[in-house]
Amino acid sequence: MTQTSSAETTVRTTLDAACRRAGLDPAGAELMRLGENALYRLPGGIVARVSRSGQLAAAAREVAVARWLEANHVPAVRAWPDVDQPVEVDGRAVTWWRELPLHRHGTAPLVATALRRLHDLPPPTGFAIGQLDPFVRLAERIDRAVTLDERDRSWMRAHLAELEARWVELPKGLPKTVVHGDAWIGNVVRTDDGEAVLLDLERCSAGPPEWDLTSTAVKAFTLAGITTEDYDAFVRAYGHDVTSWAGFETLRDIREFRMTCMAAQVAAENPARRDEAVLRLACLRGERGPRPWSWTAVP
């Protein structure tokens, strides 16, 4: 049995047990994606999400955030009603969601519109949304990056400590808001009726709105994944250019490091991805010239 098929079997066993406890039928469940989380399509317009181990609190907050956004009429992925969730099975959290209608990836202005709507909301009062942690799980990902050598991992630990110190010293910026936490074009989709819908709410928390805005700036200027014209349209739609803020480089560097740690985690599970993790590390160390860099997406 390959590593991938073994992982699928484990996740499917978790899903079946969770569905039985929630009173849902897992028969006919179809795997949609196996990545940071596993997504399954169930009959009846239900999407089940199975987390990695240790994510119960994050899953519970995600469900609470989704219900709060729904109550405030903000278009976002909707938690399946009348189910007590999340359900924990063998350390993994399982949640259930309404399947989205036909949709496509958003555009930079669409992301800006969705973020403006989110950032303008007063914070929730019915539950603790928590404070943004831009370093969540990074130390764990470094420790698990077994396809990298110890020199690389030692550099990553030192760089993480440097970024943590710079985060504490961030200059004053925009007032804190509820932030999405992982706001990029893939996490904002456009439905066929033109609605901008927020996805992947697990990192929603209270924090600097610049954190959300930096993702699109990184897409434009680190990765050249959108044009400068797209970025200008994003700035106009939101009403603020994060690159003009003195703290931007710190948030940019943290974002880039998060993307590198994700690649290292993927490489630990799929050694064929090691070259991408090594490339990203070389870029961060200044060994591949100035931005933009040519990074390949990892699952």
Protein backbone atom coordinates (compact mmCIF):
# COMPACT_ATOMS: atom_id res chain seq x y z
CA MET A 1 0.00 0.00 0.00
CA THR A 2 1.41 3.41 -0.96
CA GLN A 3 1.73 6.27 1.53
CA THR A 4 -1.08 8.16 -0.21
CA SER A 5 -3.50 5.23 -0.22
CA SER A 6 -2.68 4.54 3.43
CA ALA A 7 -3.47 8.15 4.31
CA GLU A 8 -6.74 7.95 2.37
CA THR A 9 -7.73 4.78 4.21
CA THR A 10 -7.03 6.38 7.60
CA VAL A 11 -8.97 9.52 6.77
CA ARG A 12 -11.92 7.56 5.37
CA THR A 13 -12.10 5.45 8.54
CA THR A 14 -12.18 8.66 10.56
CA LEU A 15 -14.93 10.09 8.36
CA ASP A 16 -17.10 6.99 8.67
CA ALA A 17 -16.85 6.98 12.46
CA ALA A 18 -17.58 10.70 12.73
CA CYS A 19 -20.60 10.50 10.43
CA ARG A 20 -22.10 7.68 12.47
CA ARG A 21 -21.72 9.75 15.65
CA ALA A 22 -23.26 12.81 13.96
CA GLY A 23 -26.21 10.84 12.56
CA LEU A 24 -25.10 11.29 8.94
CA ASP A 25 -24.70 8.59 6.30
CA PRO A 26 -21.15 8.34 4.85
CA ALA A 27 -22.19 5.88 2.14
CA GLY A 28 -21.18 7.17 -1.28
CA ALA A 29 -18.69 9.70 0.10
CA GLU A 30 -16.38 10.92 -2.68
CA LEU A 31 -12.87 12.23 -1.97
CA MET A 32 -12.52 15.76 -3.33
CA ARG A 33 -9.09 16.71 -1.98
CA LEU A 34 -6.43 15.22 0.23
CA GLY A 35 -4.13 17.99 1.42
CA GLU A 36 -3.80 19.98 4.63
CA ASN A 37 -7.37 18.84 5.25
CA ALA A 38 -9.31 16.06 3.51
CA LEU A 39 -12.56 17.02 1.81
CA TYR A 40 -15.32 14.56 0.96
CA ARG A 41 -18.54 15.12 -0.94
CA LEU A 42 -21.49 13.33 0.67
CA PRO A 43 -24.92 12.81 -0.90
CA GLY A 44 -27.39 15.59 -0.24
CA GLY A 45 -25.11 18.58 -0.81
CA ILE A 46 -22.87 17.99 2.22
CA VAL A 47 -19.09 18.45 2.24
CA ALA A 48 -17.19 16.81 5.09
CA ARG A 49 -13.83 18.17 6.19
CA VAL A 50 -11.37 15.99 8.11
CA SER A 51 -8.52 17.86 9.77
CA ARG A 52 -5.06 16.76 10.75
CA SER A 53 -4.54 15.71 14.35
CA GLY A 54 -4.69 18.34 17.06
CA GLN A 55 -7.00 20.78 15.29
CA LEU A 56 -10.18 20.39 17.35
CA ALA A 57 -10.13 23.92 18.78
CA ALA A 58 -9.47 25.45 15.35
CA ALA A 59 -12.32 23.42 13.84
CA ALA A 60 -14.73 24.49 16.57
CA ARG A 61 -13.80 28.13 16.02
CA GLU A 62 -14.24 27.72 12.27
CA VAL A 63 -17.80 26.45 12.73
CA ALA A 64 -18.57 29.29 15.15
CA VAL A 65 -17.15 31.85 12.72
CA ALA A 66 -19.19 30.45 9.84
CA ARG A 67 -22.39 30.69 11.85
CA TRP A 68 -21.50 34.23 12.98
CA LEU A 69 -20.87 35.32 9.38
CA GLU A 70 -24.14 33.75 8.28
CA ALA A 71 -25.99 35.65 11.01
CA ASN A 72 -24.36 38.86 9.76
CA HIS A 73 -25.26 38.12 6.12
CA VAL A 74 -21.65 37.86 4.97
CA PRO A 75 -21.28 35.37 2.11
CA ALA A 76 -19.07 32.53 3.31
CA VAL A 77 -19.04 28.75 3.39
CA ARG A 78 -21.94 27.59 5.59
CA ALA A 79 -21.73 24.99 8.34
CA TRP A 80 -24.26 22.18 7.93
CA PRO A 81 -27.18 22.92 10.28
CA ASP A 82 -28.58 20.74 13.04
CA VAL A 83 -25.32 18.87 13.62
CA ASP A 84 -23.36 19.12 16.85
CA GLN A 85 -19.88 19.69 15.49
CA PRO A 86 -16.97 19.28 15.28
CA VAL A 87 -16.69 15.59 16.10
CA GLU A 88 -13.27 14.32 17.19
CA VAL A 89 -12.10 10.86 16.14
CA ASP A 90 -8.59 9.67 16.99
CA GLY A 91 -7.39 13.25 17.41
CA ARG A 92 -8.83 14.50 14.11
CA ALA A 93 -11.70 16.98 13.91
CA VAL A 94 -14.50 16.41 11.42
CA THR A 95 -16.90 19.14 10.32
CA TRP A 96 -19.72 19.28 7.74
CA TRP A 97 -20.58 22.09 5.33
CA ARG A 98 -23.07 23.05 2.66
CA GLU A 99 -21.65 22.37 -0.78
CA LEU A 100 -21.16 25.58 -2.74
CA PRO A 101 -23.05 26.24 -5.96
CA LEU A 102 -21.05 26.43 -9.19
CA HIS A 103 -18.13 28.81 -8.67
CA ARG A 104 -14.65 29.80 -9.83
CA HIS A 105 -11.56 31.28 -8.20
CA GLY A 106 -11.91 34.91 -7.33
CA THR A 107 -9.97 37.88 -8.63
CA ALA A 108 -7.85 40.35 -6.70
CA PRO A 109 -10.65 42.97 -6.58
CA LEU A 110 -13.10 40.29 -5.45
CA VAL A 111 -10.75 39.36 -2.59
CA ALA A 112 -10.57 43.04 -1.64
CA THR A 113 -14.36 43.33 -1.62
CA ALA A 114 -14.75 40.26 0.58
CA LEU A 115 -12.06 41.46 3.00
CA ARG A 116 -13.52 44.95 3.22
CA ARG A 117 -16.86 43.43 4.19
CA LEU A 118 -15.23 41.18 6.81
CA HIS A 119 -12.97 43.85 8.28
CA ASP A 120 -15.87 46.27 8.69
CA LEU A 121 -17.75 43.86 10.99
CA PRO A 122 -17.67 44.42 14.76
CA PRO A 123 -16.05 41.47 16.56
CA PRO A 124 -18.33 38.62 17.69
CA THR A 125 -19.61 38.58 21.25
CA GLY A 126 -21.04 35.07 21.45
CA PHE A 127 -17.70 33.23 21.36
CA ALA A 128 -13.99 33.86 21.74
CA ILE A 129 -12.53 34.29 18.30
CA GLY A 130 -8.95 34.37 19.60
CA GLN A 131 -5.91 36.37 18.59
CA LEU A 132 -4.08 35.90 15.31
CA ASP A 133 -1.02 33.66 15.59
CA PRO A 134 1.01 34.06 12.39
CA PHE A 135 3.41 31.35 13.52
CA VAL A 136 0.90 28.62 14.27
CA ARG A 137 2.32 25.12 13.54
CA LEU A 138 5.55 26.43 11.98
CA ALA A 139 7.87 24.89 14.58
CA GLU A 140 6.04 21.59 14.15
CA ARG A 141 6.41 21.73 10.37
CA ILE A 142 10.14 22.41 10.67
CA ASP A 143 10.57 19.47 13.04
CA ARG A 144 8.75 17.20 10.62
CA ALA A 145 10.67 18.35 7.53
CA VAL A 146 12.71 15.15 7.49
CA THR A 147 13.64 15.38 3.80
CA LEU A 148 15.65 18.55 4.56
CA ASP A 149 19.07 18.31 6.16
CA GLU A 150 19.80 19.56 9.66
CA ARG A 151 21.58 22.65 8.34
CA ASP A 152 18.42 23.75 6.56
CA ARG A 153 16.24 23.04 9.57
CA SER A 154 18.61 24.91 11.88
CA TRP A 155 18.41 27.92 9.58
CA MET A 156 14.62 27.69 9.57
CA ARG A 157 14.47 27.64 13.37
CA ALA A 158 16.73 30.68 13.59
CA HIS A 159 14.71 32.51 10.94
CA LEU A 160 11.50 31.69 12.80
CA ALA A 161 12.92 33.23 15.99
CA GLU A 162 13.94 36.35 14.04
CA LEU A 163 10.47 36.72 12.55
CA GLU A 164 8.82 36.26 15.94
CA ALA A 165 10.95 39.11 17.32
CA ARG A 166 10.08 41.36 14.37
CA TRP A 167 6.35 40.60 14.79
CA VAL A 168 6.46 41.90 18.37
CA GLU A 169 8.02 45.16 17.13
CA LEU A 170 5.48 45.84 14.36
CA PRO A 171 4.74 49.57 13.97
CA LYS A 172 1.26 50.93 14.45
CA GLY A 173 -1.07 50.28 11.55
CA LEU A 174 -4.79 50.03 10.91
CA PRO A 175 -7.11 49.27 13.84
CA LYS A 176 -7.42 45.57 14.69
CA THR A 177 -10.34 43.72 13.15
CA VAL A 178 -11.56 40.21 12.58
CA VAL A 179 -9.19 38.85 9.94
CA HIS A 180 -9.60 35.87 7.67
CA GLY A 181 -6.06 34.69 8.29
CA ASP A 182 -5.43 33.02 4.92
CA ALA A 183 -6.95 35.43 2.44
CA TRP A 184 -5.75 34.69 -1.07
CA ILE A 185 -7.49 34.25 -4.40
CA GLY A 186 -8.06 30.52 -3.87
CA ASN A 187 -9.95 31.17 -0.62
CA VAL A 188 -12.39 33.66 -2.13
CA VAL A 189 -14.57 32.32 -4.92
CA ARG A 190 -17.14 33.86 -7.22
CA THR A 191 -20.44 32.05 -7.63
CA ASP A 192 -22.32 32.16 -10.92
CA ASP A 193 -24.51 34.94 -9.55
CA GLY A 194 -21.40 37.10 -8.94
CA GLU A 195 -21.24 36.72 -5.16
CA ALA A 196 -17.84 36.74 -3.43
CA VAL A 197 -17.75 33.86 -0.95
CA LEU A 198 -15.11 33.33 1.76
CA LEU A 199 -13.73 29.81 2.23
CA ASP A 200 -11.40 28.15 4.77
CA LEU A 201 -12.30 30.03 7.92
CA GLU A 202 -10.07 28.05 10.30
CA ARG A 203 -7.59 30.90 10.81
CA CYS A 204 -10.20 33.63 11.41
CA SER A 205 -9.20 35.62 14.48
CA ALA A 206 -8.63 39.13 15.78
CA GLY A 207 -5.56 40.82 14.36
CA PRO A 208 -4.14 43.49 12.07
CA PRO A 209 -6.05 43.71 8.79
CA GLU A 210 -2.71 44.19 7.08
CA TRP A 211 -2.13 40.46 7.60
CA ASP A 212 -4.95 39.69 5.17
CA LEU A 213 -3.89 42.37 2.71
CA THR A 214 -0.31 41.11 2.58
CA SER A 215 -1.36 37.83 0.93
CA THR A 216 -2.36 39.59 -2.28
CA ALA A 217 0.78 41.76 -2.20
CA VAL A 218 2.86 38.57 -1.93
CA LYS A 219 0.93 37.08 -4.82
CA ALA A 220 1.82 40.13 -6.91
CA PHE A 221 5.37 40.99 -5.90
CA THR A 222 6.90 37.77 -4.51
CA LEU A 223 5.38 35.32 -6.97
CA ALA A 224 4.25 37.47 -9.92
CA GLY A 225 1.03 35.46 -9.78
CA ILE A 226 -1.06 38.53 -10.60
CA THR A 227 -0.13 41.68 -12.50
CA THR A 228 0.64 45.06 -10.97
CA GLU A 229 -2.59 46.23 -12.61
CA ASP A 230 -4.46 43.51 -10.72
CA TYR A 231 -2.81 44.64 -7.50
CA ASP A 232 -3.72 48.27 -8.16
CA ALA A 233 -7.34 47.19 -8.66
CA PHE A 234 -7.15 45.32 -5.34
CA VAL A 235 -5.92 48.48 -3.58
CA ARG A 236 -8.67 50.59 -5.10
CA ALA A 237 -11.37 48.08 -4.15
CA TYR A 238 -10.17 47.81 -0.54
CA GLY A 239 -9.06 51.40 -0.04
CA HIS A 240 -5.57 50.82 1.40
CA ASP A 241 -2.15 49.81 0.06
CA VAL A 242 -0.39 47.63 2.62
CA THR A 243 2.96 47.93 0.80
CA SER A 244 3.14 51.58 1.87
CA TRP A 245 3.10 50.61 5.57
CA ALA A 246 6.37 50.37 7.50
CA GLY A 247 5.47 46.91 8.80
CA PHE A 248 4.79 45.39 5.38
CA GLU A 249 8.18 43.72 4.92
CA THR A 250 7.80 41.88 8.22
CA LEU A 251 4.40 40.50 7.27
CA ARG A 252 5.63 39.68 3.76
CA ASP A 253 8.59 37.77 5.17
CA ILE A 254 6.35 35.83 7.57
CA ARG A 255 3.97 34.95 4.73
CA GLU A 256 6.83 33.74 2.55
CA PHE A 257 8.22 31.68 5.41
CA ARG A 258 4.82 30.09 6.04
CA MET A 259 4.67 29.08 2.38
CA THR A 260 8.16 27.59 2.65
CA CYS A 261 7.30 25.62 5.79
CA MET A 262 4.22 24.26 4.03
CA ALA A 263 6.38 23.07 1.14
CA ALA A 264 8.74 21.41 3.63
CA GLN A 265 5.80 19.63 5.27
CA VAL A 266 4.52 18.40 1.91
CA ALA A 267 8.02 17.20 1.00
CA ALA A 268 8.20 15.18 4.21
CA GLU A 269 5.12 13.28 3.06
CA ASN A 270 6.01 13.27 -0.63
CA PRO A 271 9.80 13.39 -1.20
CA ALA A 272 9.23 14.25 -4.87
CA ARG A 273 8.38 17.76 -3.61
CA ARG A 274 11.73 18.23 -1.86
CA ASP A 275 13.23 20.34 -4.66
CA GLU A 276 10.47 22.92 -4.25
CA ALA A 277 11.14 23.23 -0.51
CA VAL A 278 14.89 23.59 -1.17
CA LEU A 279 14.22 26.23 -3.83
CA ARG A 280 12.07 28.29 -1.49
CA LEU A 281 14.70 28.14 1.24
CA ALA A 282 17.35 29.31 -1.21
CA CYS A 283 15.16 32.26 -2.19
CA LEU A 284 14.63 33.30 1.43
CA ARG A 285 18.37 33.09 2.06
CA GLY A 286 19.05 35.45 -0.84
CA GLU A 287 20.62 32.78 -3.07
CA ARG A 288 18.21 33.11 -6.02
CA GLY A 289 18.21 36.82 -6.69
CA PRO A 290 15.53 39.41 -6.04
CA ARG A 291 11.77 38.87 -6.11
CA PRO A 292 9.68 37.78 -7.94
CA TRP A 293 10.58 34.10 -7.56
CA SER A 294 9.26 31.17 -9.56
CA TRP A 295 7.64 28.91 -6.98
CA THR A 296 5.50 25.94 -7.91
CA ALA A 297 2.32 25.36 -5.94
CA VAL A 298 2.28 22.39 -3.58
CA PRO A 299 -0.95 20.61 -2.48
